[in-house]
Each structure stands twice: as structure tokens, then as C-alpha cells.
Amino acid sequence: MTINFDRALGIHEKALGFRSQRAEVLANNLANADTPNYKARDLDFASVLQAQQQRVQGNALSVTRTSGNHIAAQGDSFGTPGVLYSMPEQPSIDQNTVDANVEQAKYAQNALDFQASFTFLNSKLKGLMNAIRGE
């Protein structure tokens, strides 16, 4: 009997990757807190997971080449799913929408969520290892 890791681990493996992507987006916001005209972005975790589940279930839209003369698509033609611009609480003079305090709080919450996802995934893997060993 073979082990299907996608079924055994569920969406938790993908969730860990998305938490990592969100950390990159939030860190980029913090790095550009003083850049004029920079627009803060955030990753909508729920929509990204929903899109991933639709891909797994085969409901996602896909691009198909119907002719050899068509240009091959590079990546996702609709941009990164779930990445949205943040609405500022208070506008700034230089049109920068990053609020450092809000971004730091989001980053800290994301770090806690990442650790929770990692711990949960680690326990799933330990359970699989125990099943393989027959314990």
C-alpha cells in the first residue's frame, strides 16, 4: 500500500509555503516604509488557499495552446493570486501607504501562524513515521 502525501498532509504543506510568501510581502512593505509612492501589499491567505484547493480539485482555469503559433504562457497571467494592495488608515504626504506599526503587527501574527502550521505539519509527519515503523 502506497502513501499519498497530498492526502496525508492535506493543505498544510501548501499553507506553510503561503505563510512564507506572506512573510516576504510584509517584509518588503517594511523595507519600503520610507519609499515615496510605494503601495503596501498583503497576501490574502484565504483566497490563495481557496485557489490552491480548486487547482487540486481540477476547477482552476488553465491556458491551453491550440496552435503551434501561439506564445507559451509564462507563469500565472492574472498575477500572484491573493496579493492585494492595503488601504492606508491615514494618508501620507509622499503617497506611501505603509504603516510600519500595522505591518510589524501583521508580520508578528504571520510568524505565529507559520510556527503553528509548522508544528502541525511536523506532528503529521511524525505520525506517518510512526505508521511506517509500525509503532
C-alpha atoms as a PDB file:
ATOM      1  CA  MET A   1       0.000   0.000   0.000  1.00  0.00           C
ATOM      2  CA  THR A   2       1.439   3.365  -1.002  1.00  0.00           C
ATOM      3  CA  ILE A   3       1.202   6.571   0.988  1.00  0.00           C
ATOM      4  CA  ASN A   4      -0.287   9.545  -0.812  1.00  0.00           C
ATOM      5  CA  PHE A   5       1.447  12.513   0.822  1.00  0.00           C
ATOM      6  CA  ASP A   6      -1.024  15.003  -0.656  1.00  0.00           C
ATOM      7  CA  ARG A   7      -3.859  13.175   1.050  1.00  0.00           C
ATOM      8  CA  ALA A   8      -1.906  12.501   4.254  1.00  0.00           C
ATOM      9  CA  LEU A   9      -0.640  16.052   4.741  1.00  0.00           C
ATOM     10  CA  GLY A  10      -3.622  17.818   3.222  1.00  0.00           C
ATOM     11  CA  ILE A  11      -3.390  21.519   2.576  1.00  0.00           C
ATOM     12  CA  HIS A  12      -0.960  22.099   5.459  1.00  0.00           C
ATOM     13  CA  GLU A  13       2.139  21.746   3.304  1.00  0.00           C
ATOM     14  CA  LYS A  14       0.852  24.429   0.926  1.00  0.00           C
ATOM     15  CA  ALA A  15      -0.230  26.613   3.855  1.00  0.00           C
ATOM     16  CA  LEU A  16       3.340  26.665   5.118  1.00  0.00           C
ATOM     17  CA  GLY A  17       4.562  27.879   1.721  1.00  0.00           C
ATOM     18  CA  PHE A  18       1.902  30.584   1.574  1.00  0.00           C
ATOM     19  CA  ARG A  19       2.796  31.790   5.063  1.00  0.00           C
ATOM     20  CA  SER A  20       6.387  32.094   3.842  1.00  0.00           C
ATOM     21  CA  GLN A  21       5.246  34.098   0.793  1.00  0.00           C
ATOM     22  CA  ARG A  22       3.214  36.403   3.026  1.00  0.00           C
ATOM     23  CA  ALA A  23       6.265  36.974   5.224  1.00  0.00           C
ATOM     24  CA  GLU A  24       8.187  38.085   2.112  1.00  0.00           C
ATOM     25  CA  VAL A  25       5.431  40.502   1.079  1.00  0.00           C
ATOM     26  CA  LEU A  26       5.177  42.001   4.577  1.00  0.00           C
ATOM     27  CA  ALA A  27       8.972  42.284   4.907  1.00  0.00           C
ATOM     28  CA  ASN A  28       9.051  44.075   1.552  1.00  0.00           C
ATOM     29  CA  ASN A  29       6.469  46.531   2.875  1.00  0.00           C
ATOM     30  CA  LEU A  30       8.597  47.227   5.947  1.00  0.00           C
ATOM     31  CA  ALA A  31      11.713  47.667   3.830  1.00  0.00           C
ATOM     32  CA  ASN A  32       9.917  50.270   1.695  1.00  0.00           C
ATOM     33  CA  ALA A  33       8.275  52.182   4.551  1.00  0.00           C
ATOM     34  CA  ASP A  34      10.107  55.389   3.559  1.00  0.00           C
ATOM     35  CA  THR A  35       9.918  54.969  -0.223  1.00  0.00           C
ATOM     36  CA  PRO A  36       7.750  57.676  -1.835  1.00  0.00           C
ATOM     37  CA  ASN A  37       4.706  56.402  -3.758  1.00  0.00           C
ATOM     38  CA  TYR A  38       5.204  52.810  -2.511  1.00  0.00           C
ATOM     39  CA  LYS A  39       1.908  50.968  -2.115  1.00  0.00           C
ATOM     40  CA  ALA A  40       1.727  48.430   0.709  1.00  0.00           C
ATOM     41  CA  ARG A  41       0.631  44.945  -0.280  1.00  0.00           C
ATOM     42  CA  ASP A  42      -0.617  41.913   1.587  1.00  0.00           C
ATOM     43  CA  LEU A  43      -1.367  38.321   0.749  1.00  0.00           C
ATOM     44  CA  ASP A  44      -4.997  37.289   1.169  1.00  0.00           C
ATOM     45  CA  PHE A  45      -4.387  33.895   2.709  1.00  0.00           C
ATOM     46  CA  ALA A  46      -7.981  32.647   2.374  1.00  0.00           C
ATOM     47  CA  SER A  47      -8.215  33.348  -1.371  1.00  0.00           C
ATOM     48  CA  VAL A  48      -4.815  31.760  -2.038  1.00  0.00           C
ATOM     49  CA  LEU A  49      -5.786  28.575  -0.201  1.00  0.00           C
ATOM     50  CA  GLN A  50      -9.126  28.511  -1.994  1.00  0.00           C
ATOM     51  CA  ALA A  51      -7.369  28.842  -5.357  1.00  0.00           C
ATOM     52  CA  GLN A  52      -4.988  26.045  -4.381  1.00  0.00           C
ATOM     53  CA  GLN A  53      -7.874  23.764  -3.413  1.00  0.00           C
ATOM     54  CA  GLN A  54      -9.575  24.493  -6.732  1.00  0.00           C
ATOM     55  CA  ARG A  55      -6.366  23.566  -8.582  1.00  0.00           C
ATOM     56  CA  VAL A  56      -6.162  20.298  -6.654  1.00  0.00           C
ATOM     57  CA  GLN A  57      -9.800  19.544  -7.465  1.00  0.00           C
ATOM     58  CA  GLY A  58      -9.308  20.479 -11.130  1.00  0.00           C
ATOM     59  CA  ASN A  59     -11.585  23.541 -11.118  1.00  0.00           C
ATOM     60  CA  ALA A  60      -8.924  26.112 -11.965  1.00  0.00           C
ATOM     61  CA  LEU A  61      -8.792  27.913 -15.259  1.00  0.00           C
ATOM     62  CA  SER A  62      -5.907  26.873 -17.431  1.00  0.00           C
ATOM     63  CA  VAL A  63      -4.376  28.223 -20.595  1.00  0.00           C
ATOM     64  CA  THR A  64      -4.148  25.780 -23.481  1.00  0.00           C
ATOM     65  CA  ARG A  65      -2.158  26.300 -26.684  1.00  0.00           C
ATOM     66  CA  THR A  66      -4.407  25.389 -29.607  1.00  0.00           C
ATOM     67  CA  SER A  67      -1.837  26.264 -32.237  1.00  0.00           C
ATOM     68  CA  GLY A  68       1.920  25.988 -32.526  1.00  0.00           C
ATOM     69  CA  ASN A  69       1.972  29.703 -33.431  1.00  0.00           C
ATOM     70  CA  HIS A  70       0.634  30.754 -30.015  1.00  0.00           C
ATOM     71  CA  ILE A  71       3.069  32.185 -27.494  1.00  0.00           C
ATOM     72  CA  ALA A  72       3.530  29.945 -24.469  1.00  0.00           C
ATOM     73  CA  ALA A  73       2.213  31.442 -21.238  1.00  0.00           C
ATOM     74  CA  GLN A  74       4.801  32.330 -18.630  1.00  0.00           C
ATOM     75  CA  GLY A  75       3.512  31.727 -15.107  1.00  0.00           C
ATOM     76  CA  ASP A  76       0.147  32.994 -13.958  1.00  0.00           C
ATOM     77  CA  SER A  77      -1.329  35.503 -16.399  1.00  0.00           C
ATOM     78  CA  PHE A  78      -3.503  37.053 -13.694  1.00  0.00           C
ATOM     79  CA  GLY A  79      -0.633  37.909 -11.335  1.00  0.00           C
ATOM     80  CA  THR A  80       0.025  36.321  -7.985  1.00  0.00           C
ATOM     81  CA  PRO A  81      -3.290  35.143  -6.565  1.00  0.00           C
ATOM     82  CA  GLY A  82      -4.313  36.806  -3.339  1.00  0.00           C
ATOM     83  CA  VAL A  83      -1.817  39.696  -3.412  1.00  0.00           C
ATOM     84  CA  LEU A  84      -3.775  42.864  -2.785  1.00  0.00           C
ATOM     85  CA  TYR A  85      -2.931  46.460  -2.034  1.00  0.00           C
ATOM     86  CA  SER A  86      -3.512  47.584   1.537  1.00  0.00           C
ATOM     87  CA  MET A  87      -5.739  50.555   2.253  1.00  0.00           C
ATOM     88  CA  PRO A  88      -3.973  53.110   4.468  1.00  0.00           C
ATOM     89  CA  GLU A  89      -5.569  54.247   7.726  1.00  0.00           C
ATOM     90  CA  GLN A  90      -4.052  57.690   7.321  1.00  0.00           C
ATOM     91  CA  PRO A  91      -2.746  59.092   4.029  1.00  0.00           C
ATOM     92  CA  SER A  92       0.828  60.324   3.899  1.00  0.00           C
ATOM     93  CA  ILE A  93       2.204  63.330   2.070  1.00  0.00           C
ATOM     94  CA  ASP A  94       4.526  61.238  -0.135  1.00  0.00           C
ATOM     95  CA  GLN A  95       1.691  58.812  -1.128  1.00  0.00           C
ATOM     96  CA  ASN A  96       3.335  55.881   0.696  1.00  0.00           C
ATOM     97  CA  THR A  97       0.666  53.576   2.146  1.00  0.00           C
ATOM     98  CA  VAL A  98       2.915  51.615   4.556  1.00  0.00           C
ATOM     99  CA  ASP A  99       2.105  51.984   8.262  1.00  0.00           C
ATOM    100  CA  ALA A 100       5.139  50.438   9.963  1.00  0.00           C
ATOM    101  CA  ASN A 101       3.300  49.594  13.191  1.00  0.00           C
ATOM    102  CA  VAL A 102       0.494  47.798  11.357  1.00  0.00           C
ATOM    103  CA  GLU A 103       2.953  45.938   9.132  1.00  0.00           C
ATOM    104  CA  GLN A 104       5.020  44.840  12.143  1.00  0.00           C
ATOM    105  CA  ALA A 105       1.891  43.524  13.854  1.00  0.00           C
ATOM    106  CA  LYS A 106       0.878  41.636  10.696  1.00  0.00           C
ATOM    107  CA  TYR A 107       4.391  40.210  10.396  1.00  0.00           C
ATOM    108  CA  ALA A 108       4.385  39.043  14.022  1.00  0.00           C
ATOM    109  CA  GLN A 109       0.958  37.417  13.615  1.00  0.00           C
ATOM    110  CA  ASN A 110       2.110  35.730  10.412  1.00  0.00           C
ATOM    111  CA  ALA A 111       5.214  34.410  12.213  1.00  0.00           C
ATOM    112  CA  LEU A 112       2.993  32.867  14.898  1.00  0.00           C
ATOM    113  CA  ASP A 113       0.726  31.350  12.242  1.00  0.00           C
ATOM    114  CA  PHE A 114       3.778  29.991  10.401  1.00  0.00           C
ATOM    115  CA  GLN A 115       5.040  28.357  13.594  1.00  0.00           C
ATOM    116  CA  ALA A 116       1.600  26.829  14.254  1.00  0.00           C
ATOM    117  CA  SER A 117       1.417  25.459  10.702  1.00  0.00           C
ATOM    118  CA  PHE A 118       4.951  24.091  11.009  1.00  0.00           C
ATOM    119  CA  THR A 119       4.170  22.401  14.336  1.00  0.00           C
ATOM    120  CA  PHE A 120       1.012  20.853  12.933  1.00  0.00           C
ATOM    121  CA  LEU A 121       2.793  19.609   9.813  1.00  0.00           C
ATOM    122  CA  ASN A 122       5.629  18.237  11.944  1.00  0.00           C
ATOM    123  CA  SER A 123       3.140  16.252  14.045  1.00  0.00           C
ATOM    124  CA  LYS A 124       1.560  14.853  10.867  1.00  0.00           C
ATOM    125  CA  LEU A 125       4.982  13.740   9.618  1.00  0.00           C
ATOM    126  CA  LYS A 126       5.801  12.148  12.978  1.00  0.00           C
ATOM    127  CA  GLY A 127       2.512  10.253  12.788  1.00  0.00           C
ATOM    128  CA  LEU A 128       3.401   8.992   9.312  1.00  0.00           C
ATOM    129  CA  MET A 129       6.845   7.920  10.508  1.00  0.00           C
ATOM    130  CA  ASN A 130       5.266   6.013  13.410  1.00  0.00           C
ATOM    131  CA  ALA A 131       2.891   4.321  10.971  1.00  0.00           C
ATOM    132  CA  ILE A 132       5.785   3.341   8.700  1.00  0.00           C
ATOM    133  CA  ARG A 133       7.746   1.921  11.644  1.00  0.00           C
ATOM    134  CA  GLY A 134       4.661   0.079  12.899  1.00  0.00           C
ATOM    135  CA  GLU A 135       4.619   1.807  16.281  1.00  0.00           C
END
